[in-house]
Amino acid sequence: MILRAAAAAGILSLPYWLPRAVVALRVRIFTAVNGRQGVPIPGDVVPVSRFREVYSHPAADGRSRGAALSDLFWYWLAPGSHVHQEHLEPGERYDEVARTTRGIMSMPTAEAEELAARCVARAVARLRRPSTVRLRDLMMPVWAEFFYEVVFGERCPPEARELIVAHADDVVTSLKCCGLRHMRVRDRLTCYLLGALDRVPHRLPSRLTRREQAYYLQGAFFNTGVVQQAEATAHLMMVLAAHSGVQAELAEADDRRFDHVIAETMRLYPLFGVAHRITSADIEVDEATTLPAGSVLCFNYPEFHRTGYAEPDRFDPGRWEALTARHANHIPFGMAANRPCPAWHLAPAALRGAARELLRTLSFHTSAQHTRSLPNRGPCLVTARGARPRAGELTWMRIKDRWEDVWRSPLQLVLGTYMVLDARRKGLCRRYFARTADPVKGPADNEATGRCPRP
């Protein structure tokens, strides 16, 4: 009897300790496989007071070459990782790609808000109310349509939306180690974009082949753009669902108050966890410390965003009444001195427009866990504006979410370990640079099929 009671107590306690234990084990395994290469910043070598200085240093400009971590990120973001703007090494190809991206994203604030609102309105029209949704899944078609119109200047057809969503979902699911990657799914979008290049009303980078131009659009807009905006919206609506007073206020708030809520959300839940850079020259931190050329710098966004604030774990948009991002430990879009996110202007405006449209007719409620990586995809109960959940709905959501985490954590451990080992075996980044003496004019992606799959 005692043993049965102990076993039952152990089983019931699983949601409270097993996921954390598995995450800790996963980190140790990943570190063992990838090695301890990297200088954590902030950390013992570079304190938080020097974070911005080192981050913006001209020598912190290497993106892929020379870092074991690059093999893993190239693996997750394939195909076309070698021309993904985030991974391009400094040089003429990067400069041209960056100019192109800035040109495509140079949309006036009001136009970006209106476009995002229109895309949301179409998604809301398809939504049954009340209903329980996964916010990331709800928003991914919205941002697929948004970025399609940004790139092509025309409304997104349903078949393109389905290809973009399938591709983006496959990328982010593998990144979260909740599923393996499926290259056939991703190749279908590549093939669609190859056939649509001539309809792009923007001048695409001339230093890229046509296939690389398709990879560029796929990576910058229909991978990073769609995934990051879907996650940003999910984080924002999860925060509002957990803070009903702020949600009610924000439905009628001005842009300034809205921006404070977005800033606080991005502080607590930055879209990037760790970004790595490789130094091209020595960087002197202080008289006693120099980071030698070839160092792999691992900039920890969540850790940086937690330092320098009173009660850093508390959601408090009011703190931004007296703060500005320039004078706070807050870089959700990087820093202007070192290749900032090209969507630093477009993304917040579009996010604000999307959230306004959601709050215009809907209310959001949640009791699910909210973490930066969002492996649960943001469970949320959506009702008509002002309506309240029925008795027991949020309790059931909390119980279900806790137990989902119990089976999801071991799954992430197994799939994540497999992908780390597979990425190391394939060595996409390492082999790419080994095959060419000129990283600016390298060969095609070593996972490219060279042809489109048959339907």
Protein backbone atom coordinates (compact mmCIF):
# COMPACT_ATOMS: atom_id res chain seq x y z
CA MET A 1 0.00 0.00 0.00
CA ILE A 2 2.81 2.37 0.92
CA LEU A 3 4.68 1.53 -2.27
CA ARG A 4 1.58 2.19 -4.37
CA ALA A 5 1.05 5.53 -2.66
CA ALA A 6 4.70 6.45 -3.22
CA ALA A 7 4.48 5.44 -6.88
CA ALA A 8 1.31 7.47 -7.34
CA ALA A 9 2.92 10.49 -5.66
CA GLY A 10 5.96 10.13 -7.91
CA ILE A 11 3.84 9.99 -11.04
CA LEU A 12 1.75 12.99 -10.01
CA SER A 13 4.89 14.99 -9.27
CA LEU A 14 6.37 14.41 -12.77
CA PRO A 15 5.17 17.73 -14.28
CA TYR A 16 6.97 19.65 -11.52
CA TRP A 17 10.47 18.21 -11.89
CA LEU A 18 10.89 15.97 -14.96
CA PRO A 19 10.84 18.70 -17.66
CA ARG A 20 13.47 20.77 -15.82
CA ALA A 21 15.66 17.71 -15.27
CA VAL A 22 15.44 16.72 -18.93
CA VAL A 23 16.27 20.26 -20.11
CA ALA A 24 19.37 20.29 -17.88
CA LEU A 25 20.42 16.90 -19.27
CA ARG A 26 19.82 18.09 -22.84
CA VAL A 27 22.08 21.10 -22.28
CA ARG A 28 24.85 18.85 -20.94
CA ILE A 29 24.54 16.47 -23.90
CA PHE A 30 24.55 19.30 -26.45
CA THR A 31 27.62 20.81 -24.80
CA ALA A 32 29.41 17.46 -24.79
CA VAL A 33 28.67 16.90 -28.49
CA ASN A 34 29.46 20.42 -29.69
CA GLY A 35 32.33 21.01 -27.27
CA ARG A 36 32.82 23.91 -24.92
CA GLN A 37 33.82 26.27 -27.70
CA GLY A 38 32.63 29.79 -27.02
CA VAL A 39 32.92 32.73 -24.67
CA PRO A 40 29.60 33.34 -22.86
CA ILE A 41 28.69 37.03 -22.75
CA PRO A 42 27.85 38.34 -20.22
CA GLY A 43 30.06 36.10 -18.12
CA ASP A 44 33.33 35.89 -16.25
CA VAL A 45 35.43 37.09 -19.19
CA VAL A 46 33.13 39.86 -20.45
CA PRO A 47 30.90 41.42 -17.76
CA VAL A 48 27.48 42.83 -18.54
CA SER A 49 28.93 46.36 -18.43
CA ARG A 50 30.99 45.54 -21.55
CA PHE A 51 28.27 43.63 -23.40
CA ARG A 52 27.34 46.47 -25.76
CA GLU A 53 30.94 47.44 -26.38
CA VAL A 54 31.98 43.93 -27.42
CA TYR A 55 28.73 43.25 -29.32
CA SER A 56 29.19 46.36 -31.46
CA HIS A 57 32.97 45.97 -31.92
CA PRO A 58 33.97 45.95 -35.63
CA ALA A 59 35.99 42.77 -35.08
CA ALA A 60 32.94 40.86 -33.79
CA ASP A 61 31.86 40.41 -37.39
CA GLY A 62 32.33 36.73 -38.24
CA ARG A 63 29.05 34.90 -38.71
CA SER A 64 29.68 31.24 -39.48
CA ARG A 65 33.22 30.26 -40.37
CA GLY A 66 35.22 28.75 -37.53
CA ALA A 67 32.39 27.93 -35.10
CA ALA A 68 31.17 24.40 -34.45
CA LEU A 69 27.76 25.85 -33.56
CA SER A 70 27.39 27.01 -37.16
CA ASP A 71 26.99 23.44 -38.38
CA LEU A 72 23.95 23.08 -36.14
CA PHE A 73 22.31 26.34 -37.19
CA TRP A 74 22.99 25.69 -40.89
CA TYR A 75 21.40 22.26 -40.43
CA TRP A 76 18.26 23.70 -38.85
CA LEU A 77 17.88 26.53 -41.37
CA ALA A 78 18.69 24.54 -44.53
CA PRO A 79 18.37 24.73 -47.45
CA GLY A 80 20.33 27.78 -48.50
CA SER A 81 21.98 28.50 -45.16
CA HIS A 82 25.09 29.72 -46.99
CA VAL A 83 23.12 32.71 -48.37
CA HIS A 84 20.93 33.33 -45.32
CA GLN A 85 21.56 36.97 -44.44
CA GLU A 86 22.21 36.12 -40.79
CA HIS A 87 25.01 33.70 -41.76
CA LEU A 88 26.72 35.53 -44.62
CA GLU A 89 30.30 36.57 -43.89
CA PRO A 90 31.21 40.26 -44.33
CA GLY A 91 31.88 41.17 -47.94
CA GLU A 92 30.27 42.26 -51.16
CA ARG A 93 27.67 39.51 -51.19
CA TYR A 94 26.49 40.42 -47.70
CA ASP A 95 26.43 44.14 -48.52
CA GLU A 96 24.26 43.57 -51.59
CA VAL A 97 21.93 41.17 -49.79
CA ALA A 98 21.54 43.60 -46.86
CA ARG A 99 20.73 46.49 -49.22
CA THR A 100 18.11 44.37 -50.94
CA THR A 101 16.48 43.39 -47.66
CA ARG A 102 16.38 46.97 -46.45
CA GLY A 103 14.79 48.04 -49.72
CA ILE A 104 12.10 45.36 -49.61
CA MET A 105 11.31 46.16 -45.97
CA SER A 106 11.26 49.94 -46.40
CA MET A 107 7.53 50.23 -45.79
CA PRO A 108 5.94 53.24 -44.04
CA THR A 109 4.74 52.54 -40.50
CA ALA A 110 1.06 53.15 -41.25
CA GLU A 111 1.18 50.88 -44.30
CA ALA A 112 2.82 48.08 -42.29
CA GLU A 113 0.17 48.35 -39.57
CA GLU A 114 -2.66 48.33 -42.09
CA LEU A 115 -1.26 45.33 -43.98
CA ALA A 116 -0.81 43.35 -40.76
CA ALA A 117 -4.36 44.24 -39.65
CA ARG A 118 -5.82 43.06 -42.97
CA CYS A 119 -3.98 39.73 -42.72
CA VAL A 120 -5.19 39.27 -39.13
CA ALA A 121 -8.78 40.13 -40.07
CA ARG A 122 -8.80 37.31 -42.63
CA ALA A 123 -7.48 34.85 -40.03
CA VAL A 124 -10.02 35.99 -37.43
CA ALA A 125 -12.84 35.50 -39.93
CA ARG A 126 -11.84 31.83 -40.19
CA LEU A 127 -11.67 31.40 -36.39
CA ARG A 128 -14.47 29.76 -34.44
CA ARG A 129 -15.25 31.47 -31.13
CA PRO A 130 -14.82 30.47 -28.43
CA SER A 131 -11.97 28.11 -29.24
CA THR A 132 -8.68 26.96 -27.80
CA VAL A 133 -5.79 27.73 -30.13
CA ARG A 134 -2.03 27.54 -30.25
CA LEU A 135 -1.09 31.15 -30.83
CA ARG A 136 1.98 30.41 -32.93
CA ASP A 137 -0.12 28.22 -35.22
CA LEU A 138 -2.85 30.86 -35.41
CA MET A 139 -0.41 33.58 -36.39
CA MET A 140 1.84 31.75 -38.83
CA PRO A 141 -0.60 32.02 -41.78
CA VAL A 142 -1.02 35.71 -40.93
CA TRP A 143 2.67 36.43 -41.27
CA ALA A 144 2.98 34.16 -44.30
CA GLU A 145 0.45 36.37 -46.08
CA PHE A 146 2.07 39.54 -44.73
CA PHE A 147 5.59 38.77 -45.95
CA TYR A 148 4.34 37.41 -49.26
CA GLU A 149 2.72 40.77 -49.94
CA VAL A 150 5.85 42.60 -48.74
CA VAL A 151 8.00 40.63 -51.19
CA PHE A 152 5.65 40.25 -54.17
CA GLY A 153 3.46 43.33 -53.79
CA GLU A 154 0.27 41.31 -54.23
CA ARG A 155 -2.12 39.31 -52.09
CA CYS A 156 -0.87 35.86 -51.09
CA PRO A 157 -2.66 32.99 -52.87
CA PRO A 158 -3.78 30.07 -50.64
CA GLU A 159 -1.33 27.59 -52.20
CA ALA A 160 1.62 29.88 -51.46
CA ARG A 161 0.39 30.44 -47.90
CA GLU A 162 0.23 26.69 -47.33
CA LEU A 163 3.77 26.17 -48.65
CA ILE A 164 5.17 29.01 -46.53
CA VAL A 165 3.42 27.84 -43.36
CA ALA A 166 4.52 24.24 -43.86
CA HIS A 167 8.12 25.36 -44.38
CA ALA A 168 8.20 27.80 -41.45
CA ASP A 169 6.52 25.31 -39.13
CA ASP A 170 9.03 22.61 -40.07
CA VAL A 171 11.94 24.96 -39.33
CA VAL A 172 10.70 26.17 -35.96
CA THR A 173 9.56 22.70 -34.87
CA SER A 174 13.04 21.30 -35.49
CA LEU A 175 14.65 24.32 -33.82
CA LYS A 176 12.61 23.58 -30.68
CA CYS A 177 13.62 19.89 -30.99
CA CYS A 178 9.93 18.97 -31.06
CA GLY A 179 10.25 17.24 -34.42
CA LEU A 180 12.80 16.30 -37.08
CA ARG A 181 13.33 18.45 -40.15
CA HIS A 182 11.73 17.42 -43.47
CA MET A 183 13.72 18.66 -46.44
CA ARG A 184 11.02 17.71 -48.97
CA VAL A 185 8.64 20.12 -47.25
CA ARG A 186 11.23 22.90 -47.46
CA ASP A 187 12.21 22.08 -51.06
CA ARG A 188 8.62 22.58 -52.20
CA LEU A 189 8.78 26.23 -51.16
CA THR A 190 12.17 26.63 -52.85
CA CYS A 191 10.69 25.35 -56.09
CA TYR A 192 7.68 27.65 -55.82
CA LEU A 193 9.95 30.64 -55.29
CA LEU A 194 12.18 29.64 -58.22
CA GLY A 195 9.13 29.77 -60.45
CA ALA A 196 8.01 33.11 -58.99
CA LEU A 197 11.29 35.08 -59.06
CA ASP A 198 10.33 37.04 -62.17
CA ARG A 199 7.22 38.34 -60.36
CA VAL A 200 9.24 39.95 -57.56
CA PRO A 201 9.02 43.73 -58.14
CA HIS A 202 12.37 44.33 -56.44
CA ARG A 203 15.90 44.00 -57.78
CA LEU A 204 17.29 40.82 -56.25
CA PRO A 205 21.01 40.40 -55.42
CA SER A 206 22.93 39.98 -58.68
CA ARG A 207 25.79 38.14 -56.98
CA LEU A 208 23.44 35.25 -56.24
CA THR A 209 22.37 32.57 -58.71
CA ARG A 210 18.64 32.17 -59.33
CA ARG A 211 18.47 29.25 -56.92
CA GLU A 212 20.36 31.30 -54.35
CA GLN A 213 17.93 34.18 -54.87
CA ALA A 214 15.10 31.77 -54.05
CA TYR A 215 17.04 30.59 -50.98
CA TYR A 216 17.58 34.21 -49.96
CA LEU A 217 13.85 35.01 -50.07
CA GLN A 218 13.03 31.73 -48.36
CA GLY A 219 15.49 32.33 -45.53
CA ALA A 220 15.10 36.04 -44.86
CA PHE A 221 11.35 36.48 -45.31
CA PHE A 222 9.56 33.12 -45.27
CA ASN A 223 11.72 31.54 -42.59
CA THR A 224 13.09 34.18 -40.23
CA GLY A 225 10.42 36.78 -40.92
CA VAL A 226 7.43 34.47 -40.59
CA VAL A 227 8.77 32.47 -37.64
CA GLN A 228 9.98 35.45 -35.62
CA GLN A 229 6.82 37.48 -36.11
CA ALA A 230 4.60 34.49 -35.29
CA GLU A 231 6.59 33.88 -32.10
CA ALA A 232 6.60 37.59 -31.20
CA THR A 233 2.82 37.77 -31.58
CA ALA A 234 2.37 34.58 -29.58
CA HIS A 235 4.53 35.97 -26.76
CA LEU A 236 2.65 39.26 -26.74
CA MET A 237 -0.79 37.67 -26.68
CA MET A 238 0.28 35.13 -24.04
CA VAL A 239 1.43 38.03 -21.84
CA LEU A 240 -1.86 39.86 -22.37
CA ALA A 241 -3.86 36.69 -21.76
CA ALA A 242 -2.13 36.34 -18.39
CA HIS A 243 -2.62 40.04 -17.52
CA SER A 244 -6.24 40.81 -18.24
CA GLY A 245 -6.02 44.36 -16.91
CA VAL A 246 -3.25 45.27 -19.36
CA GLN A 247 -5.17 43.51 -22.15
CA ALA A 248 -8.31 45.56 -21.48
CA GLU A 249 -6.31 48.78 -21.29
CA LEU A 250 -4.35 48.07 -24.44
CA ALA A 251 -7.46 47.64 -26.56
CA GLU A 252 -7.88 51.43 -26.37
CA ALA A 253 -4.26 52.51 -25.71
CA ASP A 254 -2.16 54.88 -27.78
CA ASP A 255 0.99 53.83 -29.63
CA ARG A 256 3.29 54.86 -26.79
CA ARG A 257 1.63 52.58 -24.25
CA PHE A 258 1.45 49.81 -26.83
CA ASP A 259 5.17 50.14 -27.51
CA HIS A 260 5.95 49.91 -23.78
CA VAL A 261 4.05 46.63 -23.55
CA ILE A 262 5.86 45.27 -26.62
CA ALA A 263 9.24 46.38 -25.22
CA GLU A 264 8.57 44.66 -21.91
CA THR A 265 7.42 41.50 -23.69
CA MET A 266 10.58 41.44 -25.80
CA ARG A 267 12.67 42.03 -22.68
CA LEU A 268 11.21 39.02 -20.90
CA TYR A 269 10.92 36.83 -24.00
CA PRO A 270 13.62 37.83 -26.52
CA LEU A 271 13.25 36.05 -29.83
CA PHE A 272 16.91 35.04 -29.83
CA GLY A 273 18.44 32.99 -27.04
CA VAL A 274 22.14 33.00 -27.86
CA ALA A 275 23.71 34.57 -30.95
CA HIS A 276 27.29 33.61 -31.77
CA ARG A 277 29.90 35.72 -33.53
CA ILE A 278 33.48 34.89 -34.51
CA THR A 279 36.13 37.57 -33.98
CA SER A 280 38.18 38.57 -37.03
CA ALA A 281 40.79 40.35 -34.90
CA ASP A 282 41.74 40.73 -31.25
CA ILE A 283 39.27 42.60 -29.07
CA GLU A 284 40.63 44.26 -25.94
CA VAL A 285 38.05 44.07 -23.18
CA ASP A 286 40.21 45.73 -20.53
CA GLU A 287 43.88 45.96 -19.58
CA ALA A 288 43.91 42.36 -18.37
CA THR A 289 41.60 40.73 -20.90
CA THR A 290 41.85 40.33 -24.67
CA LEU A 291 39.62 38.17 -26.83
CA PRO A 292 41.94 36.72 -29.50
CA ALA A 293 41.03 36.54 -33.17
CA GLY A 294 39.00 33.43 -33.90
CA SER A 295 37.15 33.51 -30.58
CA VAL A 296 33.53 32.39 -30.69
CA LEU A 297 31.47 34.92 -28.75
CA CYS A 298 28.11 33.68 -27.46
CA PHE A 299 25.88 36.65 -26.68
CA ASN A 300 23.13 35.64 -24.25
CA TYR A 301 20.11 37.86 -24.90
CA PRO A 302 17.90 36.62 -22.02
CA GLU A 303 20.69 37.06 -19.48
CA PHE A 304 21.50 40.56 -20.74
CA HIS A 305 17.81 41.52 -20.67
CA ARG A 306 17.49 40.45 -17.03
CA THR A 307 20.35 42.57 -15.64
CA GLY A 308 19.98 46.14 -14.50
CA TYR A 309 16.25 45.96 -13.69
CA ALA A 310 14.37 45.94 -10.43
CA GLU A 311 12.42 42.67 -10.18
CA PRO A 312 13.61 41.51 -13.60
CA ASP A 313 11.23 38.54 -13.76
CA ARG A 314 8.12 40.68 -13.27
CA PHE A 315 6.11 41.87 -16.26
CA ASP A 316 5.99 45.64 -15.80
CA PRO A 317 5.37 47.79 -18.90
CA GLY A 318 5.39 50.85 -16.64
CA ARG A 319 9.15 50.59 -16.22
CA TRP A 320 9.51 51.92 -19.78
CA GLU A 321 7.98 55.25 -18.77
CA ALA A 322 11.42 56.13 -17.40
CA LEU A 323 13.54 53.94 -19.68
CA THR A 324 14.56 53.88 -23.31
CA ALA A 325 16.05 50.89 -25.12
CA ARG A 326 19.17 52.94 -25.82
CA HIS A 327 19.92 53.35 -22.11
CA ALA A 328 18.65 49.95 -20.90
CA ASN A 329 19.95 46.42 -21.31
CA HIS A 330 17.54 45.78 -24.12
CA ILE A 331 18.49 44.82 -27.70
CA PRO A 332 15.59 42.83 -29.18
CA PHE A 333 16.75 43.71 -32.69
CA GLY A 334 20.49 43.77 -32.08
CA MET A 335 22.58 46.93 -32.28
CA ALA A 336 22.91 49.44 -35.09
CA ALA A 337 26.72 49.31 -34.96
CA ASN A 338 26.87 45.61 -35.89
CA ARG A 339 24.38 44.30 -38.44
CA PRO A 340 21.07 44.93 -36.65
CA CYS A 341 17.95 43.01 -37.59
CA PRO A 342 16.77 44.47 -40.93
CA ALA A 343 13.18 44.37 -39.65
CA TRP A 344 13.90 46.62 -36.64
CA HIS A 345 11.48 49.25 -38.00
CA LEU A 346 8.95 47.08 -39.85
CA ALA A 347 8.48 44.32 -37.26
CA PRO A 348 7.30 46.41 -34.25
CA ALA A 349 4.90 48.42 -36.40
CA ALA A 350 3.43 45.30 -37.97
CA LEU A 351 3.21 43.59 -34.58
CA ARG A 352 1.33 46.57 -33.17
CA GLY A 353 -1.09 46.55 -36.11
CA ALA A 354 -1.71 42.83 -35.76
CA ALA A 355 -2.28 43.00 -32.00
CA ARG A 356 -4.67 45.93 -32.32
CA GLU A 357 -6.78 44.00 -34.80
CA LEU A 358 -6.82 40.91 -32.58
CA LEU A 359 -7.90 42.93 -29.55
CA ARG A 360 -10.56 44.79 -31.51
CA THR A 361 -12.93 41.80 -31.50
CA LEU A 362 -11.33 39.11 -29.33
CA SER A 363 -10.27 38.42 -25.75
CA PHE A 364 -7.46 36.05 -24.80
CA HIS A 365 -7.15 33.84 -21.72
CA THR A 366 -4.47 31.37 -20.68
CA SER A 367 -3.19 29.36 -17.74
CA ALA A 368 -0.45 27.56 -19.69
CA GLN A 369 3.25 27.93 -18.99
CA HIS A 370 4.96 30.75 -20.81
CA THR A 371 8.66 30.35 -21.54
CA ARG A 372 10.98 32.05 -24.00
CA SER A 373 11.35 29.00 -26.26
CA LEU A 374 7.56 28.45 -26.34
CA PRO A 375 7.66 24.70 -27.13
CA ASN A 376 3.92 24.47 -26.32
CA ARG A 377 3.21 26.98 -29.14
CA GLY A 378 1.18 29.24 -26.83
CA PRO A 379 -2.08 27.56 -25.75
CA CYS A 380 -4.79 30.18 -25.40
CA LEU A 381 -8.57 30.34 -25.08
CA VAL A 382 -9.99 32.86 -27.54
CA THR A 383 -13.44 34.35 -26.93
CA ALA A 384 -15.46 37.24 -28.26
CA ARG A 385 -14.22 40.50 -26.79
CA GLY A 386 -15.28 40.86 -23.16
CA ALA A 387 -16.49 37.25 -22.80
CA ARG A 388 -15.16 35.20 -19.93
CA PRO A 389 -14.02 31.54 -19.93
CA ARG A 390 -16.43 28.92 -18.69
CA ALA A 391 -15.81 27.34 -15.29
CA GLY A 392 -12.98 24.84 -15.37
CA GLU A 393 -11.63 25.69 -18.84
CA LEU A 394 -8.45 27.35 -17.61
CA THR A 395 -7.92 24.70 -14.94
CA TRP A 396 -8.09 21.99 -17.59
CA MET A 397 -5.72 23.98 -19.82
CA ARG A 398 -3.15 24.20 -17.02
CA ILE A 399 -3.35 20.47 -16.25
CA LYS A 400 -3.13 19.50 -19.91
CA ASP A 401 -0.19 21.82 -20.54
CA ARG A 402 1.73 20.45 -17.55
CA TRP A 403 1.31 16.85 -18.66
CA GLU A 404 2.13 17.65 -22.29
CA ASP A 405 5.46 18.94 -21.00
CA VAL A 406 6.13 15.57 -19.35
CA TRP A 407 6.10 13.67 -22.66
CA ARG A 408 7.46 16.56 -24.75
CA SER A 409 10.66 16.96 -22.71
CA PRO A 410 11.98 13.42 -23.30
CA LEU A 411 10.98 13.74 -26.95
CA GLN A 412 13.02 16.95 -27.24
CA LEU A 413 15.95 15.18 -25.58
CA VAL A 414 15.91 12.29 -28.04
CA LEU A 415 15.24 14.31 -31.20
CA GLY A 416 17.57 17.13 -30.18
CA THR A 417 20.44 14.73 -29.50
CA TYR A 418 19.88 13.03 -32.84
CA MET A 419 19.87 16.35 -34.74
CA VAL A 420 22.98 17.63 -32.96
CA LEU A 421 24.83 14.43 -33.89
CA ASP A 422 23.46 14.48 -37.45
CA ALA A 423 24.43 18.14 -37.89
CA ARG A 424 27.93 17.38 -36.69
CA ARG A 425 28.17 14.42 -39.07
CA LYS A 426 26.95 16.43 -42.07
CA GLY A 427 29.12 19.46 -41.18
CA LEU A 428 27.30 21.73 -43.63
CA CYS A 429 29.13 24.90 -42.65
CA ARG A 430 32.51 23.26 -42.12
CA ARG A 431 32.44 21.49 -45.47
CA TYR A 432 31.16 24.55 -47.31
CA PHE A 433 34.16 26.62 -46.29
CA ALA A 434 36.55 23.71 -46.76
CA ARG A 435 35.49 23.43 -50.43
CA THR A 436 36.34 26.98 -51.33
CA ALA A 437 39.16 29.39 -50.68
CA ASP A 438 36.80 32.30 -51.23
CA PRO A 439 33.90 32.27 -48.73
CA VAL A 440 32.29 35.24 -50.52
CA LYS A 441 31.93 33.31 -53.80
CA GLY A 442 31.45 29.78 -52.55
CA PRO A 443 29.71 26.82 -54.18
CA ALA A 444 26.06 26.01 -53.91
CA ASP A 445 24.54 24.77 -50.68
CA ASN A 446 25.79 21.25 -50.05
CA GLU A 447 22.25 20.07 -49.26
CA ALA A 448 20.74 21.44 -52.48
CA THR A 449 19.19 18.81 -54.72
CA GLY A 450 19.70 20.90 -57.84
CA ARG A 451 16.16 20.06 -58.99
CA CYS A 452 12.62 20.45 -57.78
CA PRO A 453 10.85 17.41 -56.37
CA ARG A 454 7.93 15.97 -58.29
CA PRO A 455 4.51 16.80 -56.86
